[in-house]
Amino acid sequence: MIAVIMKYPIVGDRDKDELFQRFVKDTPGVIHAYQLESPDGGATVTIWESQAARDAYMGSILRTEVDTALPGLTREIYSVLGSK
């Protein structure tokens, strides 16, 4: 399993909730996904079943839509060492 933390600044009024729901519903290999927000920005934490599942998403049209809707986003990848 791997985890990806994606951070993005708050930019204007956009429907990020709709994108998140599409991501959760339409993306194979997502075990858990969390959408977080603070006054300064937002983040998602995604737990993937495998690197291959994450790589497939990175080549998808939905990923391109997310990148376009959330300018300035960053992604960090982590190995999942344990969970509860």
PDB file of N, CA and C in Angstrom:
ATOM      1  N   MET A   1       0.843  -1.178   0.000  1.00  0.00           N
ATOM      2  CA  MET A   1       0.000   0.000   0.000  1.00  0.00           C
ATOM      3  C   MET A   1       0.887   1.240   0.000  1.00  0.00           C
ATOM      4  N   ILE A   2       0.379   2.253  -0.645  1.00  0.00           N
ATOM      5  CA  ILE A   2       1.054   3.552  -0.605  1.00  0.00           C
ATOM      6  C   ILE A   2       0.032   4.615  -0.231  1.00  0.00           C
ATOM      7  N   ALA A   3       0.542   5.728   0.262  1.00  0.00           N
ATOM      8  CA  ALA A   3      -0.300   6.873   0.604  1.00  0.00           C
ATOM      9  C   ALA A   3       0.191   8.073  -0.183  1.00  0.00           C
ATOM     10  N   VAL A   4      -0.748   8.887  -0.625  1.00  0.00           N
ATOM     11  CA  VAL A   4      -0.412  10.127  -1.313  1.00  0.00           C
ATOM     12  C   VAL A   4      -1.112  11.262  -0.589  1.00  0.00           C
ATOM     13  N   ILE A   5      -0.338  12.286  -0.239  1.00  0.00           N
ATOM     14  CA  ILE A   5      -0.905  13.503   0.325  1.00  0.00           C
ATOM     15  C   ILE A   5      -0.803  14.576  -0.744  1.00  0.00           C
ATOM     16  N   MET A   6      -1.947  15.098  -1.125  1.00  0.00           N
ATOM     17  CA  MET A   6      -2.005  16.150  -2.130  1.00  0.00           C
ATOM     18  C   MET A   6      -2.467  17.427  -1.423  1.00  0.00           C
ATOM     19  N   LYS A   7      -1.684  18.492  -1.533  1.00  0.00           N
ATOM     20  CA  LYS A   7      -2.021  19.769  -0.908  1.00  0.00           C
ATOM     21  C   LYS A   7      -2.259  20.804  -1.998  1.00  0.00           C
ATOM     22  N   TYR A   8      -3.204  21.711  -1.729  1.00  0.00           N
ATOM     23  CA  TYR A   8      -3.510  22.748  -2.710  1.00  0.00           C
ATOM     24  C   TYR A   8      -3.990  24.007  -1.989  1.00  0.00           C
ATOM     25  N   PRO A   9      -3.694  25.184  -2.557  1.00  0.00           N
ATOM     26  CA  PRO A   9      -4.195  26.424  -1.973  1.00  0.00           C
ATOM     27  C   PRO A   9      -5.675  26.602  -2.299  1.00  0.00           C
ATOM     28  N   ILE A  10      -6.368  27.357  -1.466  1.00  0.00           N
ATOM     29  CA  ILE A  10      -7.759  27.709  -1.757  1.00  0.00           C
ATOM     30  C   ILE A  10      -7.734  28.751  -2.867  1.00  0.00           C
ATOM     31  N   VAL A  11      -8.388  28.440  -3.969  1.00  0.00           N
ATOM     32  CA  VAL A  11      -8.398  29.338  -5.126  1.00  0.00           C
ATOM     33  C   VAL A  11      -9.824  29.517  -5.597  1.00  0.00           C
ATOM     34  N   GLY A  12     -10.388  30.693  -5.367  1.00  0.00           N
ATOM     35  CA  GLY A  12     -11.714  31.004  -5.884  1.00  0.00           C
ATOM     36  C   GLY A  12     -12.794  30.048  -5.409  1.00  0.00           C
ATOM     37  N   ASP A  13     -13.884  30.048  -6.150  1.00  0.00           N
ATOM     38  CA  ASP A  13     -15.040  29.220  -5.819  1.00  0.00           C
ATOM     39  C   ASP A  13     -15.162  28.114  -6.857  1.00  0.00           C
ATOM     40  N   ARG A  14     -14.800  26.908  -6.485  1.00  0.00           N
ATOM     41  CA  ARG A  14     -14.890  25.786  -7.407  1.00  0.00           C
ATOM     42  C   ARG A  14     -15.537  24.606  -6.695  1.00  0.00           C
ATOM     43  N   ASP A  15     -15.991  23.668  -7.447  1.00  0.00           N
ATOM     44  CA  ASP A  15     -16.695  22.539  -6.854  1.00  0.00           C
ATOM     45  C   ASP A  15     -15.734  21.371  -6.628  1.00  0.00           C
ATOM     46  N   LYS A  16     -14.825  21.543  -5.673  1.00  0.00           N
ATOM     47  CA  LYS A  16     -13.850  20.497  -5.373  1.00  0.00           C
ATOM     48  C   LYS A  16     -14.513  19.271  -4.772  1.00  0.00           C
ATOM     49  N   ASP A  17     -15.654  19.446  -4.113  1.00  0.00           N
ATOM     50  CA  ASP A  17     -16.370  18.307  -3.550  1.00  0.00           C
ATOM     51  C   ASP A  17     -16.834  17.358  -4.650  1.00  0.00           C
ATOM     52  N   GLU A  18     -17.310  17.913  -5.755  1.00  0.00           N
ATOM     53  CA  GLU A  18     -17.758  17.083  -6.878  1.00  0.00           C
ATOM     54  C   GLU A  18     -16.583  16.294  -7.453  1.00  0.00           C
ATOM     55  N   LEU A  19     -15.423  16.935  -7.589  1.00  0.00           N
ATOM     56  CA  LEU A  19     -14.241  16.234  -8.088  1.00  0.00           C
ATOM     57  C   LEU A  19     -13.824  15.126  -7.128  1.00  0.00           C
ATOM     58  N   PHE A  20     -13.858  15.400  -5.839  1.00  0.00           N
ATOM     59  CA  PHE A  20     -13.483  14.392  -4.847  1.00  0.00           C
ATOM     60  C   PHE A  20     -14.426  13.200  -4.911  1.00  0.00           C
ATOM     61  N   GLN A  21     -15.723  13.450  -5.017  1.00  0.00           N
ATOM     62  CA  GLN A  21     -16.696  12.357  -5.092  1.00  0.00           C
ATOM     63  C   GLN A  21     -16.493  11.523  -6.354  1.00  0.00           C
ATOM     64  N   ARG A  22     -16.196  12.168  -7.463  1.00  0.00           N
ATOM     65  CA  ARG A  22     -15.893  11.421  -8.698  1.00  0.00           C
ATOM     66  C   ARG A  22     -14.636  10.580  -8.524  1.00  0.00           C
ATOM     67  N   PHE A  23     -13.620  11.172  -7.900  1.00  0.00           N
ATOM     68  CA  PHE A  23     -12.368  10.460  -7.660  1.00  0.00           C
ATOM     69  C   PHE A  23     -12.620   9.198  -6.839  1.00  0.00           C
ATOM     70  N   VAL A  24     -13.351   9.326  -5.736  1.00  0.00           N
ATOM     71  CA  VAL A  24     -13.622   8.191  -4.854  1.00  0.00           C
ATOM     72  C   VAL A  24     -14.451   7.131  -5.568  1.00  0.00           C
ATOM     73  N   LYS A  25     -15.462   7.567  -6.317  1.00  0.00           N
ATOM     74  CA  LYS A  25     -16.381   6.633  -6.973  1.00  0.00           C
ATOM     75  C   LYS A  25     -15.755   5.960  -8.201  1.00  0.00           C
ATOM     76  N   ASP A  26     -14.987   6.710  -8.987  1.00  0.00           N
ATOM     77  CA  ASP A  26     -14.558   6.245 -10.303  1.00  0.00           C
ATOM     78  C   ASP A  26     -13.108   5.780 -10.395  1.00  0.00           C
ATOM     79  N   THR A  27     -12.384   5.745  -9.268  1.00  0.00           N
ATOM     80  CA  THR A  27     -10.970   5.406  -9.340  1.00  0.00           C
ATOM     81  C   THR A  27     -10.701   4.046  -8.701  1.00  0.00           C
ATOM     82  N   PRO A  28     -10.377   3.038  -9.509  1.00  0.00           N
ATOM     83  CA  PRO A  28     -10.044   1.725  -8.955  1.00  0.00           C
ATOM     84  C   PRO A  28      -8.764   1.794  -8.118  1.00  0.00           C
ATOM     85  N   GLY A  29      -8.716   0.988  -7.073  1.00  0.00           N
ATOM     86  CA  GLY A  29      -7.503   0.890  -6.278  1.00  0.00           C
ATOM     87  C   GLY A  29      -7.430   1.803  -5.077  1.00  0.00           C
ATOM     88  N   VAL A  30      -8.426   2.683  -4.895  1.00  0.00           N
ATOM     89  CA  VAL A  30      -8.449   3.557  -3.732  1.00  0.00           C
ATOM     90  C   VAL A  30      -9.044   2.781  -2.558  1.00  0.00           C
ATOM     91  N   ILE A  31      -8.269   2.624  -1.489  1.00  0.00           N
ATOM     92  CA  ILE A  31      -8.743   1.929  -0.299  1.00  0.00           C
ATOM     93  C   ILE A  31      -9.452   2.914   0.632  1.00  0.00           C
ATOM     94  N   HIS A  32      -8.803   4.048   0.895  1.00  0.00           N
ATOM     95  CA  HIS A  32      -9.372   5.114   1.722  1.00  0.00           C
ATOM     96  C   HIS A  32      -9.008   6.446   1.084  1.00  0.00           C
ATOM     97  N   ALA A  33      -9.880   7.432   1.216  1.00  0.00           N
ATOM     98  CA  ALA A  33      -9.586   8.783   0.753  1.00  0.00           C
ATOM     99  C   ALA A  33     -10.234   9.768   1.716  1.00  0.00           C
ATOM    100  N   TYR A  34      -9.479  10.785   2.087  1.00  0.00           N
ATOM    101  CA  TYR A  34      -9.949  11.805   3.018  1.00  0.00           C
ATOM    102  C   TYR A  34      -9.760  13.166   2.377  1.00  0.00           C
ATOM    103  N   GLN A  35     -10.752  14.017   2.494  1.00  0.00           N
ATOM    104  CA  GLN A  35     -10.672  15.386   1.993  1.00  0.00           C
ATOM    105  C   GLN A  35     -10.615  16.303   3.208  1.00  0.00           C
ATOM    106  N   LEU A  36      -9.583  17.135   3.277  1.00  0.00           N
ATOM    107  CA  LEU A  36      -9.356  18.015   4.418  1.00  0.00           C
ATOM    108  C   LEU A  36      -9.313  19.459   3.949  1.00  0.00           C
ATOM    109  N   GLU A  37      -9.699  20.380   4.842  1.00  0.00           N
ATOM    110  CA  GLU A  37      -9.627  21.796   4.477  1.00  0.00           C
ATOM    111  C   GLU A  37      -9.368  22.632   5.720  1.00  0.00           C
ATOM    112  N   SER A  38      -8.540  23.648   5.550  1.00  0.00           N
ATOM    113  CA  SER A  38      -8.279  24.646   6.581  1.00  0.00           C
ATOM    114  C   SER A  38      -8.505  26.010   5.936  1.00  0.00           C
ATOM    115  N   PRO A  39      -8.451  27.093   6.701  1.00  0.00           N
ATOM    116  CA  PRO A  39      -8.621  28.415   6.079  1.00  0.00           C
ATOM    117  C   PRO A  39      -7.566  28.732   5.015  1.00  0.00           C
ATOM    118  N   ASP A  40      -6.397  28.072   5.104  1.00  0.00           N
ATOM    119  CA  ASP A  40      -5.301  28.356   4.175  1.00  0.00           C
ATOM    120  C   ASP A  40      -5.255  27.467   2.948  1.00  0.00           C
ATOM    121  N   GLY A  41      -5.941  26.349   2.983  1.00  0.00           N
ATOM    122  CA  GLY A  41      -5.869  25.453   1.839  1.00  0.00           C
ATOM    123  C   GLY A  41      -6.525  24.126   2.130  1.00  0.00           C
ATOM    124  N   GLY A  42      -6.368  23.227   1.192  1.00  0.00           N
ATOM    125  CA  GLY A  42      -6.976  21.915   1.331  1.00  0.00           C
ATOM    126  C   GLY A  42      -5.958  20.830   1.081  1.00  0.00           C
ATOM    127  N   ALA A  43      -6.371  19.614   1.393  1.00  0.00           N
ATOM    128  CA  ALA A  43      -5.513  18.460   1.165  1.00  0.00           C
ATOM    129  C   ALA A  43      -6.392  17.228   1.005  1.00  0.00           C
ATOM    130  N   THR A  44      -5.855  16.255   0.326  1.00  0.00           N
ATOM    131  CA  THR A  44      -6.460  14.930   0.311  1.00  0.00           C
ATOM    132  C   THR A  44      -5.390  13.951   0.746  1.00  0.00           C
ATOM    133  N   VAL A  45      -5.823  12.933   1.455  1.00  0.00           N
ATOM    134  CA  VAL A  45      -4.958  11.822   1.825  1.00  0.00           C
ATOM    135  C   VAL A  45      -5.602  10.591   1.209  1.00  0.00           C
ATOM    136  N   THR A  46      -4.865   9.921   0.349  1.00  0.00           N
ATOM    137  CA  THR A  46      -5.387   8.746  -0.349  1.00  0.00           C
ATOM    138  C   THR A  46      -4.507   7.549  -0.040  1.00  0.00           C
ATOM    139  N   ILE A  47      -5.138   6.458   0.346  1.00  0.00           N
ATOM    140  CA  ILE A  47      -4.430   5.192   0.542  1.00  0.00           C
ATOM    141  C   ILE A  47      -4.769   4.306  -0.661  1.00  0.00           C
ATOM    142  N   TRP A  48      -3.733   3.899  -1.366  1.00  0.00           N
ATOM    143  CA  TRP A  48      -3.873   3.095  -2.582  1.00  0.00           C
ATOM    144  C   TRP A  48      -3.505   1.647  -2.302  1.00  0.00           C
ATOM    145  N   GLU A  49      -4.164   0.716  -2.977  1.00  0.00           N
ATOM    146  CA  GLU A  49      -3.843  -0.702  -2.802  1.00  0.00           C
ATOM    147  C   GLU A  49      -2.474  -1.053  -3.367  1.00  0.00           C
ATOM    148  N   SER A  50      -2.016  -0.262  -4.376  1.00  0.00           N
ATOM    149  CA  SER A  50      -0.714  -0.548  -4.986  1.00  0.00           C
ATOM    150  C   SER A  50      -0.211   0.670  -5.750  1.00  0.00           C
ATOM    151  N   GLN A  51       1.076   0.648  -6.040  1.00  0.00           N
ATOM    152  CA  GLN A  51       1.669   1.696  -6.873  1.00  0.00           C
ATOM    153  C   GLN A  51       1.080   1.633  -8.282  1.00  0.00           C
ATOM    154  N   ALA A  52       0.794   0.438  -8.769  1.00  0.00           N
ATOM    155  CA  ALA A  52       0.222   0.287 -10.109  1.00  0.00           C
ATOM    156  C   ALA A  52      -1.141   0.972 -10.209  1.00  0.00           C
ATOM    157  N   ALA A  53      -1.972   0.854  -9.170  1.00  0.00           N
ATOM    158  CA  ALA A  53      -3.282   1.516  -9.176  1.00  0.00           C
ATOM    159  C   ALA A  53      -3.107   3.024  -9.199  1.00  0.00           C
ATOM    160  N   ARG A  54      -2.171   3.524  -8.412  1.00  0.00           N
ATOM    161  CA  ARG A  54      -1.910   4.970  -8.391  1.00  0.00           C
ATOM    162  C   ARG A  54      -1.364   5.441  -9.752  1.00  0.00           C
ATOM    163  N   ASP A  55      -0.475   4.660 -10.348  1.00  0.00           N
ATOM    164  CA  ASP A  55       0.085   5.018 -11.653  1.00  0.00           C
ATOM    165  C   ASP A  55      -1.008   5.075 -12.721  1.00  0.00           C
ATOM    166  N   ALA A  56      -1.972   4.154 -12.662  1.00  0.00           N
ATOM    167  CA  ALA A  56      -3.081   4.172 -13.626  1.00  0.00           C
ATOM    168  C   ALA A  56      -3.881   5.465 -13.485  1.00  0.00           C
ATOM    169  N   TYR A  57      -4.147   5.880 -12.243  1.00  0.00           N
ATOM    170  CA  TYR A  57      -4.862   7.152 -12.020  1.00  0.00           C
ATOM    171  C   TYR A  57      -4.059   8.319 -12.577  1.00  0.00           C
ATOM    172  N   MET A  58      -2.740   8.316 -12.381  1.00  0.00           N
ATOM    173  CA  MET A  58      -1.912   9.440 -12.829  1.00  0.00           C
ATOM    174  C   MET A  58      -1.965   9.608 -14.351  1.00  0.00           C
ATOM    175  N   GLY A  59      -2.342   8.560 -15.088  1.00  0.00           N
ATOM    176  CA  GLY A  59      -2.485   8.652 -16.534  1.00  0.00           C
ATOM    177  C   GLY A  59      -3.911   8.905 -16.992  1.00  0.00           C
ATOM    178  N   SER A  60      -4.809   9.178 -16.039  1.00  0.00           N
ATOM    179  CA  SER A  60      -6.230   9.304 -16.379  1.00  0.00           C
ATOM    180  C   SER A  60      -6.652  10.739 -16.700  1.00  0.00           C
ATOM    181  N   ILE A  61      -7.794  10.836 -17.351  1.00  0.00           N
ATOM    182  CA  ILE A  61      -8.384  12.141 -17.652  1.00  0.00           C
ATOM    183  C   ILE A  61      -8.810  12.844 -16.366  1.00  0.00           C
ATOM    184  N   LEU A  62      -9.323  12.081 -15.386  1.00  0.00           N
ATOM    185  CA  LEU A  62      -9.739  12.688 -14.120  1.00  0.00           C
ATOM    186  C   LEU A  62      -8.565  13.369 -13.426  1.00  0.00           C
ATOM    187  N   ARG A  63      -7.403  12.754 -13.460  1.00  0.00           N
ATOM    188  CA  ARG A  63      -6.218  13.387 -12.859  1.00  0.00           C
ATOM    189  C   ARG A  63      -5.923  14.720 -13.553  1.00  0.00           C
ATOM    190  N   THR A  64      -6.057  14.776 -14.865  1.00  0.00           N
ATOM    191  CA  THR A  64      -5.841  16.032 -15.597  1.00  0.00           C
ATOM    192  C   THR A  64      -6.860  17.081 -15.162  1.00  0.00           C
ATOM    193  N   GLU A  65      -8.119  16.676 -14.976  1.00  0.00           N
ATOM    194  CA  GLU A  65      -9.151  17.603 -14.518  1.00  0.00           C
ATOM    195  C   GLU A  65      -8.837  18.130 -13.117  1.00  0.00           C
ATOM    196  N   VAL A  66      -8.362  17.254 -12.236  1.00  0.00           N
ATOM    197  CA  VAL A  66      -7.998  17.671 -10.877  1.00  0.00           C
ATOM    198  C   VAL A  66      -6.863  18.680 -10.925  1.00  0.00           C
ATOM    199  N   ASP A  67      -5.832  18.396 -11.708  1.00  0.00           N
ATOM    200  CA  ASP A  67      -4.694  19.312 -11.811  1.00  0.00           C
ATOM    201  C   ASP A  67      -5.116  20.676 -12.354  1.00  0.00           C
ATOM    202  N   THR A  68      -6.052  20.690 -13.299  1.00  0.00           N
ATOM    203  CA  THR A  68      -6.540  21.946 -13.865  1.00  0.00           C
ATOM    204  C   THR A  68      -7.372  22.724 -12.850  1.00  0.00           C
ATOM    205  N   ALA A  69      -8.223  22.023 -12.096  1.00  0.00           N
ATOM    206  CA  ALA A  69      -9.113  22.671 -11.131  1.00  0.00           C
ATOM    207  C   ALA A  69      -8.377  23.168  -9.884  1.00  0.00           C
ATOM    208  N   LEU A  70      -7.232  22.556  -9.578  1.00  0.00           N
ATOM    209  CA  LEU A  70      -6.508  22.889  -8.346  1.00  0.00           C
ATOM    210  C   LEU A  70      -5.083  23.337  -8.667  1.00  0.00           C
ATOM    211  N   PRO A  71      -4.936  24.529  -9.254  1.00  0.00           N
ATOM    212  CA  PRO A  71      -3.583  24.991  -9.597  1.00  0.00           C
ATOM    213  C   PRO A  71      -2.733  25.137  -8.333  1.00  0.00           C
ATOM    214  N   GLY A  72      -1.475  24.817  -8.463  1.00  0.00           N
ATOM    215  CA  GLY A  72      -0.558  24.936  -7.334  1.00  0.00           C
ATOM    216  C   GLY A  72      -0.523  23.717  -6.434  1.00  0.00           C
ATOM    217  N   LEU A  73      -1.190  22.640  -6.837  1.00  0.00           N
ATOM    218  CA  LEU A  73      -1.204  21.459  -5.973  1.00  0.00           C
ATOM    219  C   LEU A  73       0.151  20.774  -5.977  1.00  0.00           C
ATOM    220  N   THR A  74       0.434  20.086  -4.880  1.00  0.00           N
ATOM    221  CA  THR A  74       1.643  19.277  -4.760  1.00  0.00           C
ATOM    222  C   THR A  74       1.234  17.879  -4.302  1.00  0.00           C
ATOM    223  N   ARG A  75       2.032  16.893  -4.674  1.00  0.00           N
ATOM    224  CA  ARG A  75       1.781  15.512  -4.265  1.00  0.00           C
ATOM    225  C   ARG A  75       3.042  14.946  -3.633  1.00  0.00           C
ATOM    226  N   GLU A  76       2.854  14.231  -2.521  1.00  0.00           N
ATOM    227  CA  GLU A  76       3.942  13.516  -1.873  1.00  0.00           C
ATOM    228  C   GLU A  76       3.516  12.063  -1.701  1.00  0.00           C
ATOM    229  N   ILE A  77       4.421  11.127  -1.994  1.00  0.00           N
ATOM    230  CA  ILE A  77       4.117   9.699  -1.922  1.00  0.00           C
ATOM    231  C   ILE A  77       4.845   9.094  -0.734  1.00  0.00           C
ATOM    232  N   TYR A  78       4.128   8.244   0.010  1.00  0.00           N
ATOM    233  CA  TYR A  78       4.670   7.572   1.185  1.00  0.00           C
ATOM    234  C   TYR A  78       4.352   6.082   1.110  1.00  0.00           C
ATOM    235  N   SER A  79       5.234   5.274   1.658  1.00  0.00           N
ATOM    236  CA  SER A  79       4.941   3.855   1.859  1.00  0.00           C
ATOM    237  C   SER A  79       4.146   3.731   3.146  1.00  0.00           C
ATOM    238  N   VAL A  80       3.103   2.928   3.145  1.00  0.00           N
ATOM    239  CA  VAL A  80       2.310   2.696   4.346  1.00  0.00           C
ATOM    240  C   VAL A  80       3.001   1.592   5.150  1.00  0.00           C
ATOM    241  N   LEU A  81       3.459   1.939   6.345  1.00  0.00           N
ATOM    242  CA  LEU A  81       4.185   0.987   7.190  1.00  0.00           C
ATOM    243  C   LEU A  81       3.267   0.303   8.192  1.00  0.00           C
ATOM    244  N   GLY A  82       2.168   0.946   8.536  1.00  0.00           N
ATOM    245  CA  GLY A  82       1.230   0.378   9.488  1.00  0.00           C
ATOM    246  C   GLY A  82      -0.077   1.131   9.431  1.00  0.00           C
ATOM    247  N   SER A  83      -1.136   0.511   9.931  1.00  0.00           N
ATOM    248  CA  SER A  83      -2.446   1.160   9.956  1.00  0.00           C
ATOM    249  C   SER A  83      -3.269   0.564  11.075  1.00  0.00           C
ATOM    250  N   LYS A  84      -4.340   1.244  11.403  1.00  0.00           N
ATOM    251  CA  LYS A  84      -5.243   0.777  12.441  1.00  0.00           C
ATOM    252  C   LYS A  84      -6.648   0.743  11.898  1.00  0.00           C
TER     253      LYS A  84
END
